[in-house]
Amino acid sequence: MLTSKFAGKLRTKINQFSGYESSGLDKTAQRFVGEAIYGMLCSQSVLLTEIGRTLQSPVSLKKIEERFCRQLQKPGLWDGIHSQVLADAGPRIGPETLLILDLSDITKKYAQKMEYLAAVRDGSDDGALTNGYWTTHVIGADLDSDRVLPLYQELYSQEAPDCKKRKHPDSGCH
């Protein structure tokens, strides 16, 4: 009984958070954001099928995955979420706040068929070239606080068709 009560309270808190972060999006996108956050926390995975399994819905897993894919491709979804995250973090950024930029990579050493795999320099392996994706993270941090504010996050590949190539091969696309 105690676990059930805790799970219910957790779901309520996640719905409050996701509702705030997805405000300004249409109703189906708001529902998706809430389900995605809940599913990632419960399954500890970002795989759509794993997220879908946690929802315990009478709808087939295939249909849930198709709905998630449609939502992920919806124009303005990420811009809307990023705008809300920045609006929430803005008042917490002061003149002493450090803005930290982290240009990094996610390596997929053994992947062969993932979409738009690109050559990246593996920072964990002395800069060896391997398959993967580039990441950009920006966080805010105050020296006198333990709080860290996530401000921006992006995963990209220079092999994607919408990526504008720059002169230097290690530079990202935007």
N, C-alpha and C. Protein backbone atom coordinates (compact mmCIF):
# COMPACT_ATOMS: atom_id res chain seq x y z
N MET A 1 0.82 -1.20 0.00
CA MET A 1 0.00 0.00 0.00
C MET A 1 0.86 1.26 0.00
N LEU A 2 1.95 1.23 0.77
CA LEU A 2 2.82 2.39 0.87
C LEU A 2 3.46 2.70 -0.48
N THR A 3 3.88 1.67 -1.22
CA THR A 3 4.47 1.86 -2.54
C THR A 3 3.46 2.48 -3.50
N SER A 4 2.24 2.01 -3.44
CA SER A 4 1.18 2.54 -4.30
C SER A 4 0.93 4.02 -4.01
N LYS A 5 0.92 4.38 -2.74
CA LYS A 5 0.70 5.77 -2.35
C LYS A 5 1.85 6.65 -2.84
N PHE A 6 3.08 6.15 -2.68
CA PHE A 6 4.26 6.88 -3.13
C PHE A 6 4.22 7.07 -4.64
N ALA A 7 3.89 6.01 -5.37
CA ALA A 7 3.83 6.08 -6.83
C ALA A 7 2.79 7.10 -7.28
N GLY A 8 1.67 7.15 -6.60
CA GLY A 8 0.62 8.13 -6.94
C GLY A 8 1.10 9.56 -6.73
N LYS A 9 1.78 9.80 -5.61
CA LYS A 9 2.30 11.14 -5.33
C LYS A 9 3.38 11.53 -6.34
N LEU A 10 4.23 10.57 -6.68
CA LEU A 10 5.27 10.83 -7.67
C LEU A 10 4.65 11.18 -9.01
N ARG A 11 3.66 10.45 -9.42
CA ARG A 11 2.99 10.72 -10.69
C ARG A 11 2.37 12.13 -10.69
N THR A 12 1.79 12.52 -9.55
CA THR A 12 1.21 13.87 -9.43
C THR A 12 2.28 14.94 -9.59
N LYS A 13 3.42 14.75 -8.93
CA LYS A 13 4.52 15.73 -9.02
C LYS A 13 5.06 15.80 -10.45
N ILE A 14 5.20 14.67 -11.10
CA ILE A 14 5.70 14.65 -12.48
C ILE A 14 4.71 15.36 -13.39
N ASN A 15 3.42 15.14 -13.18
CA ASN A 15 2.40 15.82 -13.99
C ASN A 15 2.44 17.32 -13.79
N GLN A 16 2.66 17.77 -12.56
CA GLN A 16 2.77 19.21 -12.30
C GLN A 16 3.97 19.78 -13.03
N PHE A 17 5.12 19.12 -12.90
CA PHE A 17 6.34 19.59 -13.55
C PHE A 17 6.19 19.58 -15.06
N SER A 18 5.74 18.46 -15.63
CA SER A 18 5.62 18.37 -17.08
C SER A 18 4.57 19.34 -17.61
N GLY A 19 3.51 19.58 -16.83
CA GLY A 19 2.49 20.53 -17.25
C GLY A 19 3.06 21.94 -17.36
N TYR A 20 3.91 22.28 -16.41
CA TYR A 20 4.53 23.60 -16.44
C TYR A 20 5.52 23.70 -17.60
N GLU A 21 6.37 22.69 -17.76
CA GLU A 21 7.40 22.73 -18.80
C GLU A 21 6.82 22.63 -20.21
N SER A 22 5.63 22.08 -20.34
CA SER A 22 5.04 21.94 -21.67
C SER A 22 3.91 22.94 -21.92
N SER A 23 3.74 23.91 -21.01
CA SER A 23 2.67 24.89 -21.23
C SER A 23 2.96 25.65 -22.53
N GLY A 24 1.95 25.92 -23.26
CA GLY A 24 2.11 26.57 -24.56
C GLY A 24 2.08 25.56 -25.71
N LEU A 25 2.22 24.28 -25.39
CA LEU A 25 2.12 23.24 -26.42
C LEU A 25 0.67 22.77 -26.50
N ASP A 26 0.32 22.10 -27.59
CA ASP A 26 -1.04 21.60 -27.69
C ASP A 26 -1.26 20.44 -26.71
N LYS A 27 -2.51 20.05 -26.54
CA LYS A 27 -2.89 19.07 -25.52
C LYS A 27 -2.18 17.72 -25.71
N THR A 28 -2.08 17.26 -26.95
CA THR A 28 -1.44 15.96 -27.18
C THR A 28 0.06 16.02 -26.89
N ALA A 29 0.69 17.14 -27.19
CA ALA A 29 2.12 17.30 -26.89
C ALA A 29 2.32 17.37 -25.38
N GLN A 30 1.44 18.03 -24.67
CA GLN A 30 1.54 18.09 -23.21
C GLN A 30 1.42 16.70 -22.60
N ARG A 31 0.48 15.91 -23.12
CA ARG A 31 0.31 14.54 -22.63
C ARG A 31 1.57 13.74 -22.90
N PHE A 32 2.14 13.88 -24.09
CA PHE A 32 3.36 13.16 -24.45
C PHE A 32 4.50 13.51 -23.50
N VAL A 33 4.70 14.79 -23.21
CA VAL A 33 5.79 15.22 -22.33
C VAL A 33 5.64 14.57 -20.96
N GLY A 34 4.43 14.58 -20.43
CA GLY A 34 4.19 13.95 -19.13
C GLY A 34 4.47 12.46 -19.15
N GLU A 35 3.97 11.77 -20.17
CA GLU A 35 4.19 10.33 -20.27
C GLU A 35 5.66 10.01 -20.49
N ALA A 36 6.35 10.82 -21.28
CA ALA A 36 7.76 10.57 -21.56
C ALA A 36 8.60 10.74 -20.29
N ILE A 37 8.35 11.79 -19.53
CA ILE A 37 9.12 12.00 -18.29
C ILE A 37 8.85 10.85 -17.32
N TYR A 38 7.59 10.52 -17.13
CA TYR A 38 7.23 9.42 -16.23
C TYR A 38 7.88 8.12 -16.70
N GLY A 39 7.77 7.84 -17.99
CA GLY A 39 8.31 6.59 -18.54
C GLY A 39 9.82 6.50 -18.44
N MET A 40 10.52 7.62 -18.68
CA MET A 40 11.98 7.59 -18.56
C MET A 40 12.42 7.37 -17.12
N LEU A 41 11.72 8.00 -16.18
CA LEU A 41 12.06 7.81 -14.76
C LEU A 41 11.79 6.38 -14.31
N CYS A 42 10.66 5.84 -14.69
CA CYS A 42 10.29 4.49 -14.25
C CYS A 42 11.12 3.40 -14.93
N SER A 43 11.35 3.54 -16.22
CA SER A 43 12.07 2.50 -16.96
C SER A 43 13.58 2.70 -16.93
N GLN A 44 14.01 3.90 -16.56
CA GLN A 44 15.42 4.28 -16.59
C GLN A 44 16.02 4.03 -17.98
N SER A 45 15.21 4.40 -18.98
CA SER A 45 15.60 4.21 -20.37
C SER A 45 15.00 5.33 -21.21
N VAL A 46 15.64 5.61 -22.35
CA VAL A 46 15.07 6.56 -23.29
C VAL A 46 14.48 5.86 -24.51
N LEU A 47 14.48 4.53 -24.50
CA LEU A 47 13.90 3.78 -25.61
C LEU A 47 12.38 3.88 -25.55
N LEU A 48 11.77 4.21 -26.67
CA LEU A 48 10.32 4.43 -26.70
C LEU A 48 9.53 3.21 -26.26
N THR A 49 9.98 2.01 -26.63
CA THR A 49 9.26 0.81 -26.22
C THR A 49 9.33 0.62 -24.70
N GLU A 50 10.48 0.91 -24.11
CA GLU A 50 10.61 0.78 -22.65
C GLU A 50 9.74 1.82 -21.94
N ILE A 51 9.72 3.03 -22.47
CA ILE A 51 8.88 4.08 -21.90
C ILE A 51 7.41 3.67 -22.01
N GLY A 52 7.03 3.17 -23.17
CA GLY A 52 5.65 2.75 -23.41
C GLY A 52 5.20 1.64 -22.48
N ARG A 53 6.10 0.70 -22.17
CA ARG A 53 5.74 -0.41 -21.27
C ARG A 53 5.36 0.08 -19.88
N THR A 54 5.99 1.15 -19.42
CA THR A 54 5.71 1.65 -18.07
C THR A 54 4.32 2.27 -17.95
N LEU A 55 3.71 2.63 -19.07
CA LEU A 55 2.42 3.31 -19.04
C LEU A 55 1.27 2.36 -18.69
N GLN A 56 1.48 1.06 -18.84
CA GLN A 56 0.48 0.05 -18.53
C GLN A 56 -0.87 0.40 -19.14
N SER A 57 -0.84 0.68 -20.44
CA SER A 57 -2.03 1.09 -21.17
C SER A 57 -2.65 -0.10 -21.89
N PRO A 58 -3.98 -0.09 -22.07
CA PRO A 58 -4.60 -1.16 -22.87
C PRO A 58 -4.28 -1.03 -24.36
N VAL A 59 -3.75 0.13 -24.76
CA VAL A 59 -3.37 0.35 -26.16
C VAL A 59 -2.11 -0.46 -26.44
N SER A 60 -2.00 -1.01 -27.64
CA SER A 60 -0.84 -1.84 -27.97
C SER A 60 0.45 -1.02 -27.93
N LEU A 61 1.52 -1.69 -27.58
CA LEU A 61 2.83 -1.04 -27.48
C LEU A 61 3.24 -0.45 -28.83
N LYS A 62 2.90 -1.11 -29.91
CA LYS A 62 3.21 -0.60 -31.25
C LYS A 62 2.53 0.75 -31.50
N LYS A 63 1.26 0.85 -31.12
CA LYS A 63 0.52 2.10 -31.31
C LYS A 63 1.06 3.22 -30.42
N ILE A 64 1.47 2.88 -29.20
CA ILE A 64 2.06 3.88 -28.30
C ILE A 64 3.36 4.40 -28.90
N GLU A 65 4.18 3.49 -29.40
CA GLU A 65 5.46 3.89 -30.02
C GLU A 65 5.22 4.77 -31.24
N GLU A 66 4.24 4.44 -32.07
CA GLU A 66 3.92 5.26 -33.24
C GLU A 66 3.46 6.66 -32.82
N ARG A 67 2.64 6.74 -31.76
CA ARG A 67 2.18 8.04 -31.25
C ARG A 67 3.35 8.85 -30.73
N PHE A 68 4.26 8.22 -29.99
CA PHE A 68 5.45 8.91 -29.49
C PHE A 68 6.30 9.43 -30.64
N CYS A 69 6.48 8.63 -31.67
CA CYS A 69 7.27 9.08 -32.84
C CYS A 69 6.63 10.30 -33.50
N ARG A 70 5.30 10.29 -33.64
CA ARG A 70 4.62 11.45 -34.22
C ARG A 70 4.84 12.70 -33.36
N GLN A 71 4.74 12.54 -32.06
CA GLN A 71 4.93 13.68 -31.17
C GLN A 71 6.36 14.21 -31.23
N LEU A 72 7.33 13.31 -31.29
CA LEU A 72 8.73 13.74 -31.35
C LEU A 72 9.04 14.52 -32.62
N GLN A 73 8.29 14.26 -33.69
CA GLN A 73 8.51 14.95 -34.95
C GLN A 73 7.68 16.23 -35.08
N LYS A 74 6.88 16.52 -34.09
CA LYS A 74 5.99 17.68 -34.15
C LYS A 74 6.80 18.97 -34.17
N PRO A 75 6.56 19.84 -35.16
CA PRO A 75 7.29 21.12 -35.22
C PRO A 75 7.02 21.96 -33.97
N GLY A 76 8.06 22.55 -33.45
CA GLY A 76 7.92 23.45 -32.32
C GLY A 76 7.96 22.79 -30.96
N LEU A 77 7.98 21.45 -30.91
CA LEU A 77 7.97 20.76 -29.62
C LEU A 77 9.20 21.14 -28.80
N TRP A 78 10.38 20.96 -29.35
CA TRP A 78 11.60 21.22 -28.60
C TRP A 78 11.78 22.71 -28.32
N ASP A 79 11.42 23.56 -29.29
CA ASP A 79 11.52 25.00 -29.06
C ASP A 79 10.62 25.44 -27.92
N GLY A 80 9.42 24.88 -27.87
CA GLY A 80 8.48 25.22 -26.80
C GLY A 80 9.00 24.80 -25.43
N ILE A 81 9.55 23.60 -25.35
CA ILE A 81 10.09 23.11 -24.08
C ILE A 81 11.32 23.93 -23.67
N HIS A 82 12.22 24.18 -24.63
CA HIS A 82 13.42 24.98 -24.32
C HIS A 82 13.04 26.38 -23.85
N SER A 83 12.06 26.99 -24.50
CA SER A 83 11.63 28.33 -24.11
C SER A 83 11.12 28.34 -22.68
N GLN A 84 10.35 27.32 -22.32
CA GLN A 84 9.81 27.26 -20.96
C GLN A 84 10.91 27.01 -19.93
N VAL A 85 11.88 26.16 -20.27
CA VAL A 85 13.02 25.91 -19.36
C VAL A 85 13.78 27.20 -19.13
N LEU A 86 14.04 27.96 -20.19
CA LEU A 86 14.76 29.22 -20.05
C LEU A 86 13.94 30.25 -19.27
N ALA A 87 12.65 30.29 -19.48
CA ALA A 87 11.80 31.22 -18.74
C ALA A 87 11.81 30.89 -17.25
N ASP A 88 11.86 29.61 -16.93
CA ASP A 88 11.91 29.18 -15.53
C ASP A 88 13.28 29.50 -14.91
N ALA A 89 14.34 29.31 -15.66
CA ALA A 89 15.70 29.51 -15.13
C ALA A 89 16.11 30.98 -15.12
N GLY A 90 15.55 31.79 -15.99
CA GLY A 90 15.96 33.19 -16.14
C GLY A 90 16.05 33.97 -14.83
N PRO A 91 15.02 33.95 -14.00
CA PRO A 91 15.10 34.71 -12.75
C PRO A 91 16.16 34.19 -11.77
N ARG A 92 16.62 32.97 -11.98
CA ARG A 92 17.61 32.39 -11.08
C ARG A 92 19.05 32.67 -11.53
N ILE A 93 19.20 33.30 -12.69
CA ILE A 93 20.53 33.63 -13.21
C ILE A 93 20.87 35.05 -12.77
N GLY A 94 21.97 35.18 -12.07
CA GLY A 94 22.39 36.49 -11.58
C GLY A 94 23.73 36.88 -12.17
N PRO A 95 24.25 38.03 -11.78
CA PRO A 95 25.52 38.50 -12.33
C PRO A 95 26.71 37.60 -11.96
N GLU A 96 26.58 36.83 -10.88
CA GLU A 96 27.66 35.95 -10.44
C GLU A 96 27.49 34.52 -10.95
N THR A 97 26.42 34.26 -11.68
CA THR A 97 26.16 32.91 -12.18
C THR A 97 27.14 32.57 -13.31
N LEU A 98 27.76 31.41 -13.18
CA LEU A 98 28.63 30.92 -14.25
C LEU A 98 27.79 30.20 -15.28
N LEU A 99 28.00 30.52 -16.54
CA LEU A 99 27.35 29.79 -17.63
C LEU A 99 28.41 28.87 -18.22
N ILE A 100 28.20 27.58 -18.11
CA ILE A 100 29.21 26.60 -18.50
C ILE A 100 28.75 25.90 -19.77
N LEU A 101 29.61 25.95 -20.79
CA LEU A 101 29.34 25.32 -22.07
C LEU A 101 30.14 24.03 -22.15
N ASP A 102 29.47 22.93 -22.45
CA ASP A 102 30.12 21.63 -22.57
C ASP A 102 29.84 21.08 -23.97
N LEU A 103 30.86 21.07 -24.80
CA LEU A 103 30.76 20.45 -26.12
C LEU A 103 31.35 19.06 -25.98
N SER A 104 30.54 18.07 -26.19
CA SER A 104 30.97 16.72 -25.92
C SER A 104 30.47 15.77 -27.00
N ASP A 105 30.53 14.50 -26.73
CA ASP A 105 30.08 13.50 -27.69
C ASP A 105 29.46 12.32 -26.96
N ILE A 106 28.68 11.59 -27.70
CA ILE A 106 28.18 10.29 -27.26
C ILE A 106 28.68 9.29 -28.28
N THR A 107 29.48 8.35 -27.84
CA THR A 107 30.04 7.38 -28.77
C THR A 107 29.13 6.17 -28.89
N LYS A 108 29.06 5.67 -30.07
CA LYS A 108 28.31 4.45 -30.38
C LYS A 108 29.27 3.52 -31.13
N LYS A 109 30.24 3.04 -30.39
CA LYS A 109 31.36 2.30 -30.95
C LYS A 109 30.93 1.11 -31.82
N TYR A 110 29.91 0.41 -31.39
CA TYR A 110 29.50 -0.81 -32.10
C TYR A 110 28.29 -0.63 -33.00
N ALA A 111 27.72 0.56 -33.01
CA ALA A 111 26.53 0.81 -33.83
C ALA A 111 26.90 0.87 -35.30
N GLN A 112 26.04 0.34 -36.15
CA GLN A 112 26.29 0.38 -37.58
C GLN A 112 25.11 0.94 -38.36
N LYS A 113 23.91 0.82 -37.81
CA LYS A 113 22.72 1.20 -38.57
C LYS A 113 21.94 2.35 -37.94
N MET A 114 22.50 3.02 -36.95
CA MET A 114 21.79 4.14 -36.34
C MET A 114 21.77 5.31 -37.32
N GLU A 115 20.70 6.07 -37.26
CA GLU A 115 20.49 7.16 -38.19
C GLU A 115 21.57 8.24 -38.04
N TYR A 116 22.19 8.61 -39.15
CA TYR A 116 23.15 9.71 -39.25
C TYR A 116 24.35 9.58 -38.31
N LEU A 117 24.84 8.36 -38.10
CA LEU A 117 26.07 8.19 -37.33
C LEU A 117 27.17 9.01 -37.98
N ALA A 118 28.01 9.60 -37.17
CA ALA A 118 29.08 10.46 -37.67
C ALA A 118 30.36 10.15 -36.90
N ALA A 119 31.47 10.57 -37.47
CA ALA A 119 32.74 10.43 -36.77
C ALA A 119 32.83 11.49 -35.67
N VAL A 120 33.14 11.04 -34.45
CA VAL A 120 33.34 11.94 -33.32
C VAL A 120 34.66 11.57 -32.64
N ARG A 121 35.25 12.53 -31.96
CA ARG A 121 36.47 12.27 -31.19
C ARG A 121 36.06 11.86 -29.78
N ASP A 122 36.36 10.63 -29.42
CA ASP A 122 35.99 10.10 -28.12
C ASP A 122 36.89 10.69 -27.04
N GLY A 123 36.36 11.60 -26.26
CA GLY A 123 37.13 12.24 -25.20
C GLY A 123 37.57 11.27 -24.11
N SER A 124 36.91 10.13 -23.99
CA SER A 124 37.26 9.14 -22.98
C SER A 124 38.34 8.19 -23.47
N ASP A 125 38.66 8.25 -24.76
CA ASP A 125 39.61 7.30 -25.35
C ASP A 125 40.72 8.05 -26.08
N ASP A 126 41.32 9.03 -25.42
CA ASP A 126 42.43 9.81 -25.96
C ASP A 126 42.13 10.43 -27.32
N GLY A 127 40.88 10.77 -27.57
CA GLY A 127 40.52 11.46 -28.80
C GLY A 127 40.44 10.57 -30.03
N ALA A 128 40.31 9.28 -29.83
CA ALA A 128 40.20 8.36 -30.97
C ALA A 128 38.91 8.64 -31.73
N LEU A 129 38.96 8.51 -33.06
CA LEU A 129 37.76 8.68 -33.88
C LEU A 129 36.90 7.42 -33.79
N THR A 130 35.62 7.63 -33.54
CA THR A 130 34.67 6.53 -33.48
C THR A 130 33.30 7.05 -33.92
N ASN A 131 32.35 6.17 -34.10
CA ASN A 131 31.00 6.57 -34.49
C ASN A 131 30.24 7.13 -33.30
N GLY A 132 29.38 8.12 -33.56
CA GLY A 132 28.57 8.68 -32.49
C GLY A 132 27.89 9.96 -32.89
N TYR A 133 27.59 10.78 -31.90
CA TYR A 133 26.88 12.03 -32.09
C TYR A 133 27.53 13.11 -31.23
N TRP A 134 27.42 14.34 -31.65
CA TRP A 134 27.92 15.48 -30.89
C TRP A 134 26.84 15.96 -29.94
N THR A 135 27.24 16.53 -28.81
CA THR A 135 26.29 17.11 -27.86
C THR A 135 26.74 18.51 -27.47
N THR A 136 25.78 19.34 -27.17
CA THR A 136 26.04 20.67 -26.63
C THR A 136 25.19 20.81 -25.38
N HIS A 137 25.81 21.20 -24.26
CA HIS A 137 25.11 21.42 -23.01
C HIS A 137 25.50 22.80 -22.48
N VAL A 138 24.54 23.53 -21.94
CA VAL A 138 24.82 24.78 -21.24
C VAL A 138 24.11 24.68 -19.90
N ILE A 139 24.88 24.91 -18.83
CA ILE A 139 24.30 24.92 -17.50
C ILE A 139 24.69 26.20 -16.79
N GLY A 140 23.89 26.59 -15.83
CA GLY A 140 24.20 27.73 -14.97
C GLY A 140 24.52 27.23 -13.58
N ALA A 141 25.54 27.81 -12.95
CA ALA A 141 25.93 27.40 -11.60
C ALA A 141 26.45 28.60 -10.83
N ASP A 142 26.06 28.68 -9.58
CA ASP A 142 26.58 29.71 -8.68
C ASP A 142 27.64 29.07 -7.79
N LEU A 143 28.73 29.79 -7.52
CA LEU A 143 29.81 29.26 -6.71
C LEU A 143 29.37 29.01 -5.27
N ASP A 144 28.42 29.79 -4.78
CA ASP A 144 27.98 29.65 -3.40
C ASP A 144 26.73 28.79 -3.24
N SER A 145 26.43 27.97 -4.23
CA SER A 145 25.23 27.14 -4.19
C SER A 145 25.52 25.78 -4.79
N ASP A 146 24.78 24.78 -4.35
CA ASP A 146 24.89 23.43 -4.92
C ASP A 146 23.97 23.25 -6.12
N ARG A 147 23.12 24.24 -6.37
CA ARG A 147 22.13 24.13 -7.44
C ARG A 147 22.77 24.35 -8.80
N VAL A 148 22.39 23.50 -9.74
CA VAL A 148 22.82 23.60 -11.13
C VAL A 148 21.56 23.76 -11.97
N LEU A 149 21.58 24.72 -12.89
CA LEU A 149 20.42 24.97 -13.75
C LEU A 149 20.70 24.47 -15.16
N PRO A 150 20.01 23.45 -15.61
CA PRO A 150 20.16 23.05 -17.01
C PRO A 150 19.47 24.09 -17.90
N LEU A 151 20.20 24.63 -18.87
CA LEU A 151 19.65 25.69 -19.71
C LEU A 151 19.43 25.26 -21.16
N TYR A 152 20.32 24.41 -21.66
CA TYR A 152 20.21 24.03 -23.07
C TYR A 152 20.90 22.69 -23.26
N GLN A 153 20.31 21.87 -24.13
CA GLN A 153 20.91 20.58 -24.46
C GLN A 153 20.53 20.23 -25.88
N GLU A 154 21.51 19.75 -26.63
CA GLU A 154 21.24 19.38 -28.02
C GLU A 154 22.13 18.21 -28.40
N LEU A 155 21.57 17.29 -29.16
CA LEU A 155 22.29 16.17 -29.72
C LEU A 155 22.21 16.33 -31.23
N TYR A 156 23.35 16.22 -31.93
CA TYR A 156 23.30 16.43 -33.38
C TYR A 156 24.38 15.64 -34.09
N SER A 157 24.23 15.54 -35.40
CA SER A 157 25.19 14.85 -36.25
C SER A 157 25.47 15.70 -37.47
N GLN A 158 26.73 15.79 -37.83
CA GLN A 158 27.07 16.53 -39.04
C GLN A 158 26.67 15.77 -40.30
N GLU A 159 26.23 14.53 -40.16
CA GLU A 159 25.76 13.74 -41.30
C GLU A 159 24.28 13.94 -41.58
N ALA A 160 23.56 14.58 -40.68
CA ALA A 160 22.12 14.82 -40.87
C ALA A 160 21.92 15.80 -42.02
N PRO A 161 20.89 15.61 -42.83
CA PRO A 161 20.69 16.48 -43.99
C PRO A 161 20.43 17.94 -43.63
N ASP A 162 19.88 18.21 -42.45
CA ASP A 162 19.60 19.59 -42.08
C ASP A 162 20.77 20.26 -41.36
N CYS A 163 21.91 19.61 -41.33
CA CYS A 163 23.10 20.16 -40.68
C CYS A 163 23.90 20.97 -41.69
N LYS A 164 24.20 22.20 -41.34
CA LYS A 164 25.00 23.05 -42.22
C LYS A 164 26.47 22.81 -41.90
N LYS A 165 27.20 22.35 -42.89
CA LYS A 165 28.62 22.06 -42.68
C LYS A 165 29.40 23.36 -42.51
N ARG A 166 30.35 23.33 -41.60
CA ARG A 166 31.26 24.45 -41.39
C ARG A 166 32.63 24.05 -41.90
N LYS A 167 33.55 25.01 -41.92
CA LYS A 167 34.87 24.75 -42.47
C LYS A 167 35.64 23.70 -41.66
N HIS A 168 35.54 23.75 -40.35
CA HIS A 168 36.28 22.81 -39.51
C HIS A 168 35.45 21.55 -39.31
N PRO A 169 35.98 20.34 -39.58
CA PRO A 169 35.18 19.11 -39.51
C PRO A 169 34.68 18.77 -38.12
N ASP A 170 35.33 19.27 -37.05
CA ASP A 170 34.86 18.96 -35.70
C ASP A 170 33.80 19.92 -35.20
N SER A 171 33.48 20.95 -35.97
CA SER A 171 32.47 21.90 -35.50
C SER A 171 31.09 21.34 -35.75
N GLY A 172 30.17 21.71 -34.90
CA GLY A 172 28.80 21.19 -34.98
C GLY A 172 27.98 21.89 -36.03
N CYS A 173 26.70 21.60 -36.02
CA CYS A 173 25.79 22.23 -36.97
C CYS A 173 24.68 22.92 -36.20
N HIS A 174 24.26 24.05 -36.69
CA HIS A 174 23.17 24.78 -36.05
C HIS A 174 22.42 25.59 -37.08
